[in-house]
Each structure stands twice: as C-alpha cells, then as structure tokens.
Amino acid sequence: MSRDDRIGLHHGAGGPAMRELVRSVFMSRSGTAHADVVGLASLDDGAAVRVGDRWLVFTTDTHVVNPPFFPGGDIGRLAISGTVNDLAMMGATDPIGLACAVVLEEGFEIADLVRIQESIDRSCREANTAIHTGDTKVMGRGEIDRIATMV
C-alpha cells in the first residue's frame, strides 16, 4: 500500500487533505442532496436544515489532544470553543445547546475528568450555552493503537 492508501495526520487538520477525504469517501456515499439542507456538499463544519421559515444549524466536532491539559487550556475548553466556532461560521451565533460525547481510556483519572467537565461548564457559560445531551464510551488501554493498525 502506498502512503495515499492510508490515513495520515494531515487528514484531520482541517485543510485540503481533510476536505478531499470527506469529498471522496463521505460525500460520494451520502445519498442525494435536499433543497432544504445546507450540509456535507458545502464542506462546512456544520449543516443547516430548514424548519418552517427558520433554519436549524447543527454541527459535530471531535478533538483529540495529548496531554488533555496544556498551557492556556485543556480539551474541555478546546471542545466547546471549537464547536461554538463551527456554529458561528454557519451563522448560528446564539447556540441554544450542545451535545458532548467523551471517549475515555480505561484508567483515566476521575479527578481529571471532573476538571475537564468544570472547564466545559465554564466555557459553556462564557458562550451562553449549555450541554443538553451526550454520551460516554470507555476504550481499553492501548485499544486505539490496535484500531489504528487494523487494515
């Protein structure tokens, strides 16, 4: 297999490689476009669906950072700020709520998770929004390494 047959870090950086990956893998298999939806075909980080005479704007965002705490922030602040920014780029500058999905490695310290949640809460207050739903999954230690190497 060549380098072009595998995912690289550049595919997750939000640039041309990521857009081409979305275009070639997801857009070609996502079905037909709908007149009342601005979404995947625009290659934005969000979508807008017409609901009556208004638009519902939504997005999904994912963040992977190691370590989870770094100078000037943490993964909680990064997640909220990135998601609120994606909504704003779609014109939704007054978000009514967010969803939060967390994937944790087995053995992650609960005290660190609480610290991240406190940062999420602070960031939501600053953005005048709140978490309304979410999900949590736990992966075994080193499991991501096995997933990443499966072909």
Protein backbone atom coordinates (compact mmCIF):
# COMPACT_ATOMS: atom_id res chain seq x y z
CA MET A 1 0.00 0.00 0.00
CA SER A 2 1.18 3.48 -0.75
CA ARG A 3 1.05 6.49 1.54
CA ASP A 4 -2.03 7.63 -0.41
CA ASP A 5 -3.89 4.46 0.68
CA ARG A 6 -3.69 5.28 4.38
CA ILE A 7 -4.96 7.98 6.69
CA GLY A 8 -2.35 10.47 7.82
CA LEU A 9 -2.38 13.15 10.49
CA HIS A 10 -2.86 15.75 7.75
CA HIS A 11 -6.33 14.28 7.04
CA GLY A 12 -7.55 15.60 10.40
CA ALA A 13 -6.06 19.07 10.21
CA GLY A 14 -8.98 20.87 8.59
CA GLY A 15 -7.13 21.66 5.37
CA PRO A 16 -7.22 20.48 1.76
CA ALA A 17 -6.40 16.84 2.63
CA MET A 18 -9.33 16.63 5.04
CA ARG A 19 -11.73 18.21 2.55
CA GLU A 20 -10.61 15.77 -0.14
CA LEU A 21 -11.07 12.83 2.25
CA VAL A 22 -14.61 14.00 3.09
CA ARG A 23 -15.35 14.60 -0.59
CA SER A 24 -14.01 11.26 -1.83
CA VAL A 25 -15.23 8.98 0.98
CA PHE A 26 -18.29 10.51 2.59
CA MET A 27 -19.90 12.79 0.00
CA SER A 28 -19.88 10.15 -2.70
CA ARG A 29 -21.79 7.76 -0.43
CA SER A 30 -24.11 10.12 1.44
CA GLY A 31 -27.13 9.99 -0.86
CA THR A 32 -28.86 12.80 -2.67
CA ALA A 33 -28.89 16.44 -1.69
CA HIS A 34 -32.05 18.03 -0.33
CA ALA A 35 -33.14 21.57 -1.24
CA ASP A 36 -33.85 22.48 2.40
CA VAL A 37 -30.45 21.35 3.69
CA VAL A 38 -27.09 23.08 3.55
CA GLY A 39 -24.67 20.37 4.58
CA LEU A 40 -21.97 17.99 3.54
CA ALA A 41 -21.75 19.16 -0.07
CA SER A 42 -20.69 22.63 1.12
CA LEU A 43 -17.80 21.07 3.09
CA ASP A 44 -18.63 23.23 6.10
CA ASP A 45 -18.17 22.02 9.68
CA GLY A 46 -21.91 22.21 10.17
CA ALA A 47 -25.26 21.88 8.49
CA ALA A 48 -28.44 23.91 8.33
CA VAL A 49 -31.88 22.40 7.88
CA ARG A 50 -34.94 24.49 7.04
CA VAL A 51 -37.63 24.08 9.70
CA GLY A 52 -40.64 26.11 8.60
CA ASP A 53 -39.42 29.63 7.95
CA ARG A 54 -36.28 29.26 10.10
CA TRP A 55 -33.03 27.32 9.91
CA LEU A 56 -31.75 24.82 12.47
CA VAL A 57 -27.94 24.87 12.44
CA PHE A 58 -26.00 21.98 13.93
CA THR A 59 -22.51 20.58 13.92
CA THR A 60 -20.41 17.77 15.28
CA ASP A 61 -16.84 18.25 16.32
CA THR A 62 -14.13 15.97 17.60
CA HIS A 63 -10.98 16.78 19.50
CA VAL A 64 -8.00 14.60 20.30
CA VAL A 65 -5.20 16.19 22.27
CA ASN A 66 -2.41 14.78 24.37
CA PRO A 67 -1.91 15.82 27.07
CA PRO A 68 -5.51 16.84 27.88
CA PHE A 69 -4.23 19.83 29.88
CA PHE A 70 -1.85 22.26 28.21
CA PRO A 71 -0.64 25.85 28.71
CA GLY A 72 -3.62 28.14 28.29
CA GLY A 73 -6.34 25.50 28.19
CA ASP A 74 -7.49 21.93 28.11
CA ILE A 75 -9.52 19.59 25.94
CA GLY A 76 -12.79 20.75 27.54
CA ARG A 77 -12.28 24.40 26.58
CA LEU A 78 -10.98 23.36 23.15
CA ALA A 79 -14.07 21.21 22.51
CA ILE A 80 -16.58 23.90 23.48
CA SER A 81 -14.72 26.72 21.74
CA GLY A 82 -14.26 24.70 18.56
CA THR A 83 -17.89 23.63 18.43
CA VAL A 84 -19.25 27.12 19.13
CA ASN A 85 -16.90 28.47 16.44
CA ASP A 86 -18.20 25.92 13.91
CA LEU A 87 -21.76 27.01 14.66
CA ALA A 88 -20.84 30.68 14.35
CA MET A 89 -19.22 30.01 10.96
CA MET A 90 -22.62 28.68 9.84
CA GLY A 91 -24.35 31.83 11.11
CA ALA A 92 -25.58 30.44 14.45
CA THR A 93 -24.12 32.99 16.85
CA ASP A 94 -26.55 32.28 19.71
CA PRO A 95 -26.34 28.49 20.26
CA ILE A 96 -29.23 27.04 22.26
CA GLY A 97 -27.38 23.88 23.25
CA LEU A 98 -24.61 21.41 22.60
CA ALA A 99 -24.08 17.67 22.73
CA CYS A 100 -20.93 16.25 24.31
CA ALA A 101 -19.54 12.80 23.57
CA VAL A 102 -16.49 11.67 25.52
CA VAL A 103 -14.26 8.69 24.73
CA LEU A 104 -12.07 7.79 27.70
CA GLU A 105 -9.25 5.34 28.08
CA GLU A 106 -9.64 2.77 30.82
CA GLY A 107 -7.75 4.02 33.87
CA PHE A 108 -8.33 7.71 33.15
CA GLU A 109 -8.48 9.53 36.48
CA ILE A 110 -11.96 10.67 37.51
CA ALA A 111 -10.44 13.79 39.11
CA ASP A 112 -9.10 14.78 35.68
CA LEU A 113 -12.49 14.13 34.09
CA VAL A 114 -14.12 16.36 36.72
CA ARG A 115 -11.54 19.06 35.96
CA ILE A 116 -12.37 18.80 32.24
CA GLN A 117 -16.11 18.94 32.98
CA GLU A 118 -15.61 22.07 35.08
CA SER A 119 -13.77 23.64 32.14
CA ILE A 120 -16.63 22.60 29.83
CA ASP A 121 -19.12 24.27 32.18
CA ARG A 122 -17.08 27.50 32.36
CA SER A 123 -16.68 27.58 28.59
CA CYS A 124 -20.41 27.00 28.06
CA ARG A 125 -21.27 29.86 30.41
CA GLU A 126 -18.89 32.15 28.52
CA ALA A 127 -20.60 31.17 25.25
CA ASN A 128 -24.07 31.50 26.81
CA THR A 129 -24.97 27.89 26.05
CA ALA A 130 -25.14 24.52 27.80
CA ILE A 131 -24.66 20.81 27.26
CA HIS A 132 -28.09 19.24 26.67
CA THR A 133 -27.15 15.67 25.78
CA GLY A 134 -24.15 13.43 25.47
CA ASP A 135 -22.59 10.02 25.60
CA THR A 136 -19.57 8.36 27.16
CA LYS A 137 -17.59 5.35 25.98
CA VAL A 138 -14.54 3.70 27.51
CA MET A 139 -11.78 2.08 25.47
CA GLY A 140 -9.28 -0.40 26.85
CA ARG A 141 -5.72 0.77 27.41
CA GLY A 142 -3.86 0.73 24.10
CA GLU A 143 -7.04 -0.10 22.19
CA ILE A 144 -6.67 2.89 19.91
CA ASP A 145 -3.30 1.51 18.79
CA ARG A 146 -4.94 -1.75 17.71
CA ILE A 147 -7.76 0.08 15.93
CA ALA A 148 -5.35 2.37 14.10
CA THR A 149 -3.25 -0.53 12.85
CA MET A 150 -6.12 -2.73 11.60
CA VAL A 151 -6.37 -2.80 7.83
